[in-house]
Structures are given as C-alpha cells and as structure tokens.
Amino acid sequence: MFHTPVHLSTNTTTSTSTAVASASSLPLDVAEHAFGLLMRGPDPLSVDGVAIGEGLPARLIPMDELRRLLVRRSCSRTTRDHVWRHLIEQARTHRGAWMVAAVALAIPMLGRLAATLADKAATSDQAELDRASRADQEDLQAEVLAAFMEALIRVNVAWSHPLLRLSRLTQFTVLRALAVEPPRLLPESDLLDRVEGGQQALAYPAGHPDLLLAQAVAEGVITAASAELIGLTRLEGIPLSAYCRRRGLLYCTVLKRRQRAENALYQAILQRRL
C-alpha cells in the first residue's frame, strides 16, 4: 500500500506547499487535490475487499474507486458502515495518508454541512450574524475540516451508522463557536406522555439540539444511550412507539427513561452547567 505522509493543515486557509497546491484555496478543494496526489502512482492507497467483505470486490480496491462504489445506489448501508469503521480505525492508527483518504471520502458530506452552516448563519439572529460575518467561506470550511478530523478520533465505532455519527460530531464542534439558544419547556405533544407523568418536554432549538446533547453527554448529565434516544425520537421524528418496537423494549420504560433524561437536561440548564 502507498503510505506517503500527505498532511492536511487546518490552521491556514491557503496552501503552504506545492505538494497540496491547487487552483482553489478553499480547504475542501485543497483536501481533494491532496487526495488526487495520494492516488497517483502504480501502488495507490487501497483497502482489502476480501477482509472487509460485505459485497465489495474480492481484491485490493484503490481509495478513489472505493469512493465511487460507496455512492452507488446499489451499495447497501451495511457495506458503507463496514467501510467507514475500517477507515476510522486506519485513520486513528496510521494518520497521514489514511486521514487524507477519510476526509476525501467525506467531502460531499462536509461540503453540504459547510453550506448548511453558512445558510444558518445568514438567516439567524443578529448575534449569530455578527459572528458569521467575521468568518468567510475559507474559515468556515477550515473549521468544518478540523472538526471532522477531531470527530474521526472521538467517534464510537460501535455505534450504528458511523458516517452519520461523524457528521453529528462535526456539527457539535463547529456549533460550539455559535450562540446556543437555551431550550424552553413546551406542553408535551404525546398524549400518553401527559397521562403518564403530566410533565413537560424540552423544546429543542432549531439548529443546535445536537450540540446540547453532545455537551450533556460530555458533562455526564445524561448517557450516550439517552442522548441517542432523544436524538432519534425528538429530533429525527421517530415515534417512541416505533423506537420501542424495533428494539423490543417496553414503551412505558423507555418513556420514563426519556423523561428522566430530559429532566436532567432541564436541571443542568437551570444550574448553568450547559
């Protein structure tokens, strides 16, 4: 395998080496150019399709070919998950070329994230707008790129859908630089929730709920499992009943677990711990 140590710099928005020079100084364009250099030569960085399995060709697969395979509609989510777990482990162990490759395969996701964050900044309140005005497109992409590389080190590969987890962790890190609107209490929308406990549920602010959950896990306010429960049933709109059916759990048990977690979040917010 080809292991030339091509490095990405996230501390500057322009290329400082002819090895990564490109027509554009945007960090994601520089990363793409670095990946192109990495794939040159007769022995480019590759993965072992036999070792990974999950429908991949049973041979060494160059990373640029792997990227094309992963975006095909015929590529299953299970295959993508296995590939990304492998990439994360390689990036953590070897850094260098593997980190470049992981970034390159995530560039479509990172580009969408940077564009979304730019749109949020442009349409948010004045405090956020003032912050956004201090950062141009290069700065925002550099922030997203640095956050993603940090997420590669932090993400739990045992969790499902590792690329989605990487996306969320990247958002958490970038959004720390933005103002966080505190959640407020609104009447619980689920009739059974009201009947069971008469409690109110947290209304999570648009654009920032994942950040709040990440902070809460980091501070030990709630567990990662509780954060996932809240993320799926509150933020992604999966009905609590469907969540329980898929996992073979009792509705009332999970309902009370979510209520306890949200109450812990509320208390932490009142105590200014989040």
C-alpha atoms as a PDB file:
ATOM      1  CA  MET A   1       0.000   0.000   0.000  1.00  0.00           C
ATOM      2  CA  PHE A   2       1.052   3.582  -0.604  1.00  0.00           C
ATOM      3  CA  HIS A   3       1.659   5.406   2.695  1.00  0.00           C
ATOM      4  CA  THR A   4       3.272   8.688   1.696  1.00  0.00           C
ATOM      5  CA  PRO A   5       2.516  11.056   4.614  1.00  0.00           C
ATOM      6  CA  VAL A   6       0.406  13.710   2.922  1.00  0.00           C
ATOM      7  CA  HIS A   7      -0.697  16.179   5.618  1.00  0.00           C
ATOM      8  CA  LEU A   8      -3.709  18.459   5.706  1.00  0.00           C
ATOM      9  CA  SER A   9      -3.283  21.740   7.524  1.00  0.00           C
ATOM     10  CA  THR A  10      -6.348  23.111   9.254  1.00  0.00           C
ATOM     11  CA  ASN A  11      -4.554  26.152  10.693  1.00  0.00           C
ATOM     12  CA  THR A  12      -4.377  28.027   7.418  1.00  0.00           C
ATOM     13  CA  THR A  13      -6.792  28.564   4.557  1.00  0.00           C
ATOM     14  CA  THR A  14      -4.133  28.680   1.833  1.00  0.00           C
ATOM     15  CA  SER A  15      -1.740  26.046   0.558  1.00  0.00           C
ATOM     16  CA  THR A  16       1.775  26.304   2.035  1.00  0.00           C
ATOM     17  CA  SER A  17       3.315  23.540  -0.057  1.00  0.00           C
ATOM     18  CA  THR A  18       3.455  22.739  -3.736  1.00  0.00           C
ATOM     19  CA  ALA A  19       2.501  19.189  -2.722  1.00  0.00           C
ATOM     20  CA  VAL A  20      -1.015  20.344  -1.923  1.00  0.00           C
ATOM     21  CA  ALA A  21      -1.259  23.410  -4.088  1.00  0.00           C
ATOM     22  CA  SER A  22      -4.458  23.663  -6.046  1.00  0.00           C
ATOM     23  CA  ALA A  23      -6.327  26.199  -8.112  1.00  0.00           C
ATOM     24  CA  SER A  24      -8.554  26.969  -5.131  1.00  0.00           C
ATOM     25  CA  SER A  25      -7.516  27.902  -1.604  1.00  0.00           C
ATOM     26  CA  LEU A  26     -10.748  26.535  -0.134  1.00  0.00           C
ATOM     27  CA  PRO A  27      -9.754  23.826   2.380  1.00  0.00           C
ATOM     28  CA  LEU A  28     -12.054  21.173   0.918  1.00  0.00           C
ATOM     29  CA  ASP A  29     -10.624  21.822  -2.555  1.00  0.00           C
ATOM     30  CA  VAL A  30      -7.099  21.543  -1.127  1.00  0.00           C
ATOM     31  CA  ALA A  31      -8.096  18.263   0.530  1.00  0.00           C
ATOM     32  CA  GLU A  32      -9.460  16.930  -2.758  1.00  0.00           C
ATOM     33  CA  HIS A  33      -6.234  17.897  -4.529  1.00  0.00           C
ATOM     34  CA  ALA A  34      -4.162  16.183  -1.824  1.00  0.00           C
ATOM     35  CA  PHE A  35      -6.238  13.045  -2.321  1.00  0.00           C
ATOM     36  CA  GLY A  36      -5.565  13.180  -6.069  1.00  0.00           C
ATOM     37  CA  LEU A  37      -1.825  13.323  -5.384  1.00  0.00           C
ATOM     38  CA  LEU A  38      -2.161  10.427  -2.961  1.00  0.00           C
ATOM     39  CA  MET A  39      -3.781   8.255  -5.618  1.00  0.00           C
ATOM     40  CA  ARG A  40      -1.043   8.774  -8.208  1.00  0.00           C
ATOM     41  CA  GLY A  41       1.424   6.035  -8.995  1.00  0.00           C
ATOM     42  CA  PRO A  42       1.260   2.302  -9.547  1.00  0.00           C
ATOM     43  CA  ASP A  43       0.543   1.397  -5.893  1.00  0.00           C
ATOM     44  CA  PRO A  44      -2.141   3.793  -4.567  1.00  0.00           C
ATOM     45  CA  LEU A  45      -3.621   3.573  -1.072  1.00  0.00           C
ATOM     46  CA  SER A  46      -6.138   0.707  -1.106  1.00  0.00           C
ATOM     47  CA  VAL A  47      -8.427  -1.358   1.099  1.00  0.00           C
ATOM     48  CA  ASP A  48      -8.669  -5.131   1.109  1.00  0.00           C
ATOM     49  CA  GLY A  49     -12.095  -6.018  -0.237  1.00  0.00           C
ATOM     50  CA  VAL A  50     -11.695  -9.606   0.970  1.00  0.00           C
ATOM     51  CA  ALA A  51     -11.030  -8.522   4.571  1.00  0.00           C
ATOM     52  CA  ILE A  52     -13.919  -6.032   4.658  1.00  0.00           C
ATOM     53  CA  GLY A  53     -16.344  -8.221   2.730  1.00  0.00           C
ATOM     54  CA  GLU A  54     -19.969  -7.017   2.647  1.00  0.00           C
ATOM     55  CA  GLY A  55     -20.239  -7.260  -1.145  1.00  0.00           C
ATOM     56  CA  LEU A  56     -17.034  -5.398  -2.024  1.00  0.00           C
ATOM     57  CA  PRO A  57     -14.890  -6.773  -4.868  1.00  0.00           C
ATOM     58  CA  ALA A  58     -12.606  -9.513  -3.541  1.00  0.00           C
ATOM     59  CA  ARG A  59      -9.351  -7.688  -4.260  1.00  0.00           C
ATOM     60  CA  LEU A  60      -7.391  -4.591  -3.335  1.00  0.00           C
ATOM     61  CA  ILE A  61      -9.585  -1.577  -4.056  1.00  0.00           C
ATOM     62  CA  PRO A  62      -7.918   1.824  -4.590  1.00  0.00           C
ATOM     63  CA  MET A  63      -9.471   4.550  -2.460  1.00  0.00           C
ATOM     64  CA  ASP A  64     -10.705   6.577  -5.429  1.00  0.00           C
ATOM     65  CA  GLU A  65     -12.522   3.505  -6.762  1.00  0.00           C
ATOM     66  CA  LEU A  66     -13.897   2.819  -3.284  1.00  0.00           C
ATOM     67  CA  ARG A  67     -15.324   6.326  -3.154  1.00  0.00           C
ATOM     68  CA  ARG A  68     -17.187   5.709  -6.403  1.00  0.00           C
ATOM     69  CA  LEU A  69     -18.514   2.371  -5.115  1.00  0.00           C
ATOM     70  CA  LEU A  70     -19.871   3.880  -1.908  1.00  0.00           C
ATOM     71  CA  VAL A  71     -22.033   6.464  -3.688  1.00  0.00           C
ATOM     72  CA  ARG A  72     -23.763   3.933  -5.922  1.00  0.00           C
ATOM     73  CA  ARG A  73     -27.393   3.258  -5.141  1.00  0.00           C
ATOM     74  CA  SER A  74     -26.655  -0.456  -5.173  1.00  0.00           C
ATOM     75  CA  CYS A  75     -24.228  -0.036  -2.252  1.00  0.00           C
ATOM     76  CA  SER A  76     -26.009  -1.056   0.955  1.00  0.00           C
ATOM     77  CA  ARG A  77     -25.890   0.879   4.196  1.00  0.00           C
ATOM     78  CA  THR A  78     -24.303  -2.151   5.860  1.00  0.00           C
ATOM     79  CA  THR A  79     -21.431  -2.032   3.363  1.00  0.00           C
ATOM     80  CA  ARG A  80     -20.946   1.694   3.903  1.00  0.00           C
ATOM     81  CA  ASP A  81     -20.948   1.210   7.679  1.00  0.00           C
ATOM     82  CA  HIS A  82     -18.296  -1.530   7.490  1.00  0.00           C
ATOM     83  CA  VAL A  83     -16.106   0.551   5.171  1.00  0.00           C
ATOM     84  CA  TRP A  84     -16.342   3.616   7.387  1.00  0.00           C
ATOM     85  CA  ARG A  85     -15.481   1.655  10.517  1.00  0.00           C
ATOM     86  CA  HIS A  86     -12.390   0.410   8.701  1.00  0.00           C
ATOM     87  CA  LEU A  87     -11.452   3.911   7.535  1.00  0.00           C
ATOM     88  CA  ILE A  88     -11.904   5.360  11.018  1.00  0.00           C
ATOM     89  CA  GLU A  89      -9.682   2.704  12.562  1.00  0.00           C
ATOM     90  CA  GLN A  90      -6.998   3.186   9.899  1.00  0.00           C
ATOM     91  CA  ALA A  91      -7.090   6.982  10.251  1.00  0.00           C
ATOM     92  CA  ARG A  92      -6.695   6.666  14.022  1.00  0.00           C
ATOM     93  CA  THR A  93      -3.858   4.160  13.772  1.00  0.00           C
ATOM     94  CA  HIS A  94      -1.833   5.487  10.841  1.00  0.00           C
ATOM     95  CA  ARG A  95      -2.982   9.125  10.441  1.00  0.00           C
ATOM     96  CA  GLY A  96      -1.218  10.648   7.399  1.00  0.00           C
ATOM     97  CA  ALA A  97      -2.468   9.177   4.145  1.00  0.00           C
ATOM     98  CA  TRP A  98      -5.419   7.439   5.791  1.00  0.00           C
ATOM     99  CA  MET A  99      -6.614  10.699   7.324  1.00  0.00           C
ATOM    100  CA  VAL A 100      -6.418  12.330   3.890  1.00  0.00           C
ATOM    101  CA  ALA A 101      -8.401   9.456   2.399  1.00  0.00           C
ATOM    102  CA  ALA A 102     -11.094   9.587   5.093  1.00  0.00           C
ATOM    103  CA  VAL A 103     -11.504  13.314   4.565  1.00  0.00           C
ATOM    104  CA  ALA A 104     -11.713  12.852   0.790  1.00  0.00           C
ATOM    105  CA  LEU A 105     -14.444  10.227   1.044  1.00  0.00           C
ATOM    106  CA  ALA A 106     -16.411  12.542   3.333  1.00  0.00           C
ATOM    107  CA  ILE A 107     -16.035  15.680   1.186  1.00  0.00           C
ATOM    108  CA  PRO A 108     -19.619  15.578  -0.183  1.00  0.00           C
ATOM    109  CA  MET A 109     -20.979  15.428   3.375  1.00  0.00           C
ATOM    110  CA  LEU A 110     -18.553  18.093   4.611  1.00  0.00           C
ATOM    111  CA  GLY A 111     -19.438  20.396   1.724  1.00  0.00           C
ATOM    112  CA  ARG A 112     -23.151  20.093   2.464  1.00  0.00           C
ATOM    113  CA  LEU A 113     -22.512  20.723   6.141  1.00  0.00           C
ATOM    114  CA  ALA A 114     -20.450  23.840   5.444  1.00  0.00           C
ATOM    115  CA  ALA A 115     -23.171  25.160   3.115  1.00  0.00           C
ATOM    116  CA  THR A 116     -25.881  24.446   5.682  1.00  0.00           C
ATOM    117  CA  LEU A 117     -23.955  26.206   8.431  1.00  0.00           C
ATOM    118  CA  ALA A 118     -23.410  29.200   6.156  1.00  0.00           C
ATOM    119  CA  ASP A 119     -27.151  29.343   5.428  1.00  0.00           C
ATOM    120  CA  LYS A 120     -27.993  29.122   9.134  1.00  0.00           C
ATOM    121  CA  ALA A 121     -25.610  31.958   9.911  1.00  0.00           C
ATOM    122  CA  ALA A 122     -27.124  34.108   7.175  1.00  0.00           C
ATOM    123  CA  THR A 123     -30.682  33.631   8.455  1.00  0.00           C
ATOM    124  CA  SER A 124     -30.099  33.546  12.222  1.00  0.00           C
ATOM    125  CA  ASP A 125     -30.461  36.286  14.801  1.00  0.00           C
ATOM    126  CA  GLN A 126     -28.166  39.310  14.904  1.00  0.00           C
ATOM    127  CA  ALA A 127     -25.765  37.843  17.458  1.00  0.00           C
ATOM    128  CA  GLU A 128     -25.070  34.836  15.260  1.00  0.00           C
ATOM    129  CA  LEU A 129     -24.974  37.000  12.144  1.00  0.00           C
ATOM    130  CA  ASP A 130     -22.247  39.159  13.727  1.00  0.00           C
ATOM    131  CA  ARG A 131     -20.201  36.046  14.449  1.00  0.00           C
ATOM    132  CA  ALA A 132     -20.723  34.686  10.948  1.00  0.00           C
ATOM    133  CA  SER A 133     -19.655  37.982   9.369  1.00  0.00           C
ATOM    134  CA  ARG A 134     -16.194  37.511  10.868  1.00  0.00           C
ATOM    135  CA  ALA A 135     -15.650  34.230   9.054  1.00  0.00           C
ATOM    136  CA  ASP A 136     -15.554  33.878   5.298  1.00  0.00           C
ATOM    137  CA  GLN A 137     -16.085  30.695   3.344  1.00  0.00           C
ATOM    138  CA  GLU A 138     -12.479  29.589   3.764  1.00  0.00           C
ATOM    139  CA  ASP A 139     -12.636  29.943   7.537  1.00  0.00           C
ATOM    140  CA  LEU A 140     -15.892  28.011   7.749  1.00  0.00           C
ATOM    141  CA  GLN A 141     -14.569  25.140   5.630  1.00  0.00           C
ATOM    142  CA  ALA A 142     -11.364  25.062   7.684  1.00  0.00           C
ATOM    143  CA  GLU A 143     -13.458  24.839  10.861  1.00  0.00           C
ATOM    144  CA  VAL A 144     -15.577  22.025   9.427  1.00  0.00           C
ATOM    145  CA  LEU A 145     -12.487  20.158   8.239  1.00  0.00           C
ATOM    146  CA  ALA A 146     -10.738  20.438  11.607  1.00  0.00           C
ATOM    147  CA  ALA A 147     -13.914  19.359  13.411  1.00  0.00           C
ATOM    148  CA  PHE A 148     -14.284  16.315  11.176  1.00  0.00           C
ATOM    149  CA  MET A 149     -10.693  15.227  11.797  1.00  0.00           C
ATOM    150  CA  GLU A 150     -11.318  15.546  15.525  1.00  0.00           C
ATOM    151  CA  ALA A 151     -14.533  13.529  15.130  1.00  0.00           C
ATOM    152  CA  LEU A 152     -12.583  10.722  13.452  1.00  0.00           C
ATOM    153  CA  ILE A 153     -10.639  10.336  16.682  1.00  0.00           C
ATOM    154  CA  ARG A 154     -13.613  10.658  19.027  1.00  0.00           C
ATOM    155  CA  VAL A 155     -16.433   8.742  17.335  1.00  0.00           C
ATOM    156  CA  ASN A 156     -17.516   5.440  18.868  1.00  0.00           C
ATOM    157  CA  VAL A 157     -17.180   2.876  16.070  1.00  0.00           C
ATOM    158  CA  ALA A 158     -19.509   0.512  17.923  1.00  0.00           C
ATOM    159  CA  TRP A 159     -22.425   2.851  17.235  1.00  0.00           C
ATOM    160  CA  SER A 160     -24.605   2.332  14.189  1.00  0.00           C
ATOM    161  CA  HIS A 161     -24.204   4.466  11.046  1.00  0.00           C
ATOM    162  CA  PRO A 162     -20.657   5.787  11.700  1.00  0.00           C
ATOM    163  CA  LEU A 163     -20.749   8.381   8.905  1.00  0.00           C
ATOM    164  CA  LEU A 164     -23.911   9.901  10.394  1.00  0.00           C
ATOM    165  CA  ARG A 165     -22.199   9.939  13.803  1.00  0.00           C
ATOM    166  CA  LEU A 166     -19.175  11.659  12.261  1.00  0.00           C
ATOM    167  CA  SER A 167     -21.465  14.262  10.702  1.00  0.00           C
ATOM    168  CA  ARG A 168     -23.131  14.977  14.032  1.00  0.00           C
ATOM    169  CA  LEU A 169     -19.886  15.176  15.982  1.00  0.00           C
ATOM    170  CA  THR A 170     -18.542  17.557  13.343  1.00  0.00           C
ATOM    171  CA  GLN A 171     -21.613  19.738  13.766  1.00  0.00           C
ATOM    172  CA  PHE A 172     -21.218  19.665  17.568  1.00  0.00           C
ATOM    173  CA  THR A 173     -17.696  21.033  17.343  1.00  0.00           C
ATOM    174  CA  VAL A 174     -18.446  23.730  14.778  1.00  0.00           C
ATOM    175  CA  LEU A 175     -21.591  24.902  16.565  1.00  0.00           C
ATOM    176  CA  ARG A 176     -19.668  25.462  19.792  1.00  0.00           C
ATOM    177  CA  ALA A 177     -18.499  28.688  18.159  1.00  0.00           C
ATOM    178  CA  LEU A 178     -22.095  29.846  17.651  1.00  0.00           C
ATOM    179  CA  ALA A 179     -24.592  31.173  20.151  1.00  0.00           C
ATOM    180  CA  VAL A 180     -26.752  28.428  21.614  1.00  0.00           C
ATOM    181  CA  GLU A 181     -30.389  29.282  22.206  1.00  0.00           C
ATOM    182  CA  PRO A 182     -31.431  27.683  25.520  1.00  0.00           C
ATOM    183  CA  PRO A 183     -34.200  25.115  25.230  1.00  0.00           C
ATOM    184  CA  ARG A 184     -37.557  26.034  26.694  1.00  0.00           C
ATOM    185  CA  LEU A 185     -40.390  23.948  28.071  1.00  0.00           C
ATOM    186  CA  LEU A 186     -43.495  23.369  25.989  1.00  0.00           C
ATOM    187  CA  PRO A 187     -46.504  21.126  26.626  1.00  0.00           C
ATOM    188  CA  GLU A 188     -45.755  17.505  25.789  1.00  0.00           C
ATOM    189  CA  SER A 189     -47.141  16.600  22.379  1.00  0.00           C
ATOM    190  CA  ASP A 190     -47.583  12.904  23.125  1.00  0.00           C
ATOM    191  CA  LEU A 191     -50.920  12.312  24.848  1.00  0.00           C
ATOM    192  CA  LEU A 192     -49.650   9.217  26.637  1.00  0.00           C
ATOM    193  CA  ASP A 193     -46.684  11.188  27.980  1.00  0.00           C
ATOM    194  CA  ARG A 194     -49.095  13.689  29.542  1.00  0.00           C
ATOM    195  CA  VAL A 195     -51.242  10.950  31.004  1.00  0.00           C
ATOM    196  CA  GLU A 196     -48.265   9.069  32.425  1.00  0.00           C
ATOM    197  CA  GLY A 197     -46.412  11.887  34.097  1.00  0.00           C
ATOM    198  CA  GLY A 198     -48.066  15.212  33.484  1.00  0.00           C
ATOM    199  CA  GLN A 199     -44.595  16.522  32.686  1.00  0.00           C
ATOM    200  CA  GLN A 200     -43.476  18.963  30.067  1.00  0.00           C
ATOM    201  CA  ALA A 201     -40.909  18.161  27.406  1.00  0.00           C
ATOM    202  CA  LEU A 202     -37.952  20.204  26.300  1.00  0.00           C
ATOM    203  CA  ALA A 203     -38.463  22.074  23.045  1.00  0.00           C
ATOM    204  CA  TYR A 204     -35.078  21.904  21.362  1.00  0.00           C
ATOM    205  CA  PRO A 205     -33.952  24.996  19.458  1.00  0.00           C
ATOM    206  CA  ALA A 206     -33.589  24.629  15.702  1.00  0.00           C
ATOM    207  CA  GLY A 207     -30.023  24.219  14.555  1.00  0.00           C
ATOM    208  CA  HIS A 208     -28.473  23.480  17.949  1.00  0.00           C
ATOM    209  CA  PRO A 209     -30.060  20.440  19.663  1.00  0.00           C
ATOM    210  CA  ASP A 210     -27.280  18.039  18.718  1.00  0.00           C
ATOM    211  CA  LEU A 211     -24.784  20.406  20.337  1.00  0.00           C
ATOM    212  CA  LEU A 212     -26.809  20.447  23.531  1.00  0.00           C
ATOM    213  CA  LEU A 213     -26.949  16.653  23.672  1.00  0.00           C
ATOM    214  CA  ALA A 214     -23.233  16.326  22.982  1.00  0.00           C
ATOM    215  CA  GLN A 215     -22.429  18.768  25.761  1.00  0.00           C
ATOM    216  CA  ALA A 216     -24.734  16.935  28.136  1.00  0.00           C
ATOM    217  CA  VAL A 217     -23.003  13.604  27.444  1.00  0.00           C
ATOM    218  CA  ALA A 218     -19.561  15.177  27.805  1.00  0.00           C
ATOM    219  CA  GLU A 219     -20.566  16.713  31.147  1.00  0.00           C
ATOM    220  CA  GLY A 220     -22.061  13.458  32.425  1.00  0.00           C
ATOM    221  CA  VAL A 221     -25.582  14.900  32.633  1.00  0.00           C
ATOM    222  CA  ILE A 222     -27.053  12.089  30.520  1.00  0.00           C
ATOM    223  CA  THR A 223     -25.673   8.912  28.989  1.00  0.00           C
ATOM    224  CA  ALA A 224     -24.832   8.439  25.328  1.00  0.00           C
ATOM    225  CA  ALA A 225     -27.736   5.970  25.100  1.00  0.00           C
ATOM    226  CA  SER A 226     -30.159   8.577  26.443  1.00  0.00           C
ATOM    227  CA  ALA A 227     -28.785  11.150  24.011  1.00  0.00           C
ATOM    228  CA  GLU A 228     -29.375   8.721  21.142  1.00  0.00           C
ATOM    229  CA  LEU A 229     -32.929   8.063  22.387  1.00  0.00           C
ATOM    230  CA  ILE A 230     -33.670  11.797  22.487  1.00  0.00           C
ATOM    231  CA  GLY A 231     -31.966  12.380  19.146  1.00  0.00           C
ATOM    232  CA  LEU A 232     -33.993   9.716  17.362  1.00  0.00           C
ATOM    233  CA  THR A 233     -37.394  10.310  18.965  1.00  0.00           C
ATOM    234  CA  ARG A 234     -37.295  14.086  19.432  1.00  0.00           C
ATOM    235  CA  LEU A 235     -35.037  15.394  16.685  1.00  0.00           C
ATOM    236  CA  GLU A 236     -35.443  12.861  13.899  1.00  0.00           C
ATOM    237  CA  GLY A 237     -39.173  12.377  14.389  1.00  0.00           C
ATOM    238  CA  ILE A 238     -39.175   8.622  15.017  1.00  0.00           C
ATOM    239  CA  PRO A 239     -42.259   7.819  17.127  1.00  0.00           C
ATOM    240  CA  LEU A 240     -41.388   6.500  20.551  1.00  0.00           C
ATOM    241  CA  SER A 241     -43.659   3.502  19.949  1.00  0.00           C
ATOM    242  CA  ALA A 242     -41.743   2.629  16.761  1.00  0.00           C
ATOM    243  CA  TYR A 243     -38.422   3.062  18.577  1.00  0.00           C
ATOM    244  CA  CYS A 244     -39.579   0.586  21.237  1.00  0.00           C
ATOM    245  CA  ARG A 245     -40.908  -1.960  18.739  1.00  0.00           C
ATOM    246  CA  ARG A 246     -37.645  -2.036  16.803  1.00  0.00           C
ATOM    247  CA  ARG A 247     -35.689  -2.716  19.978  1.00  0.00           C
ATOM    248  CA  GLY A 248     -38.153  -4.964  21.767  1.00  0.00           C
ATOM    249  CA  LEU A 249     -38.482  -2.520  24.668  1.00  0.00           C
ATOM    250  CA  LEU A 250     -41.452  -1.615  26.838  1.00  0.00           C
ATOM    251  CA  TYR A 251     -42.973   1.726  25.896  1.00  0.00           C
ATOM    252  CA  CYS A 252     -43.512   2.910  29.460  1.00  0.00           C
ATOM    253  CA  THR A 253     -39.958   2.013  30.457  1.00  0.00           C
ATOM    254  CA  VAL A 254     -38.440   3.961  27.591  1.00  0.00           C
ATOM    255  CA  LEU A 255     -40.868   6.843  28.111  1.00  0.00           C
ATOM    256  CA  LYS A 256     -39.773   7.214  31.734  1.00  0.00           C
ATOM    257  CA  ARG A 257     -36.120   6.940  30.731  1.00  0.00           C
ATOM    258  CA  ARG A 258     -36.562   9.772  28.250  1.00  0.00           C
ATOM    259  CA  GLN A 259     -38.436  11.867  30.796  1.00  0.00           C
ATOM    260  CA  ARG A 260     -35.657  11.384  33.356  1.00  0.00           C
ATOM    261  CA  ALA A 261     -33.011  12.324  30.793  1.00  0.00           C
ATOM    262  CA  GLU A 262     -34.870  15.454  29.708  1.00  0.00           C
ATOM    263  CA  ASN A 263     -35.466  16.437  33.310  1.00  0.00           C
ATOM    264  CA  ALA A 264     -31.715  16.073  33.927  1.00  0.00           C
ATOM    265  CA  LEU A 265     -31.068  18.289  30.906  1.00  0.00           C
ATOM    266  CA  TYR A 266     -33.503  20.905  32.179  1.00  0.00           C
ATOM    267  CA  GLN A 267     -31.949  20.938  35.643  1.00  0.00           C
ATOM    268  CA  ALA A 268     -28.456  21.236  34.168  1.00  0.00           C
ATOM    269  CA  ILE A 269     -29.585  24.201  32.088  1.00  0.00           C
ATOM    270  CA  LEU A 270     -31.129  25.890  35.132  1.00  0.00           C
ATOM    271  CA  GLN A 271     -27.877  25.360  37.027  1.00  0.00           C
ATOM    272  CA  ARG A 272     -25.912  26.784  34.074  1.00  0.00           C
ATOM    273  CA  ARG A 273     -23.981  23.548  33.650  1.00  0.00           C
ATOM    274  CA  LEU A 274     -24.821  23.539  29.925  1.00  0.00           C
END
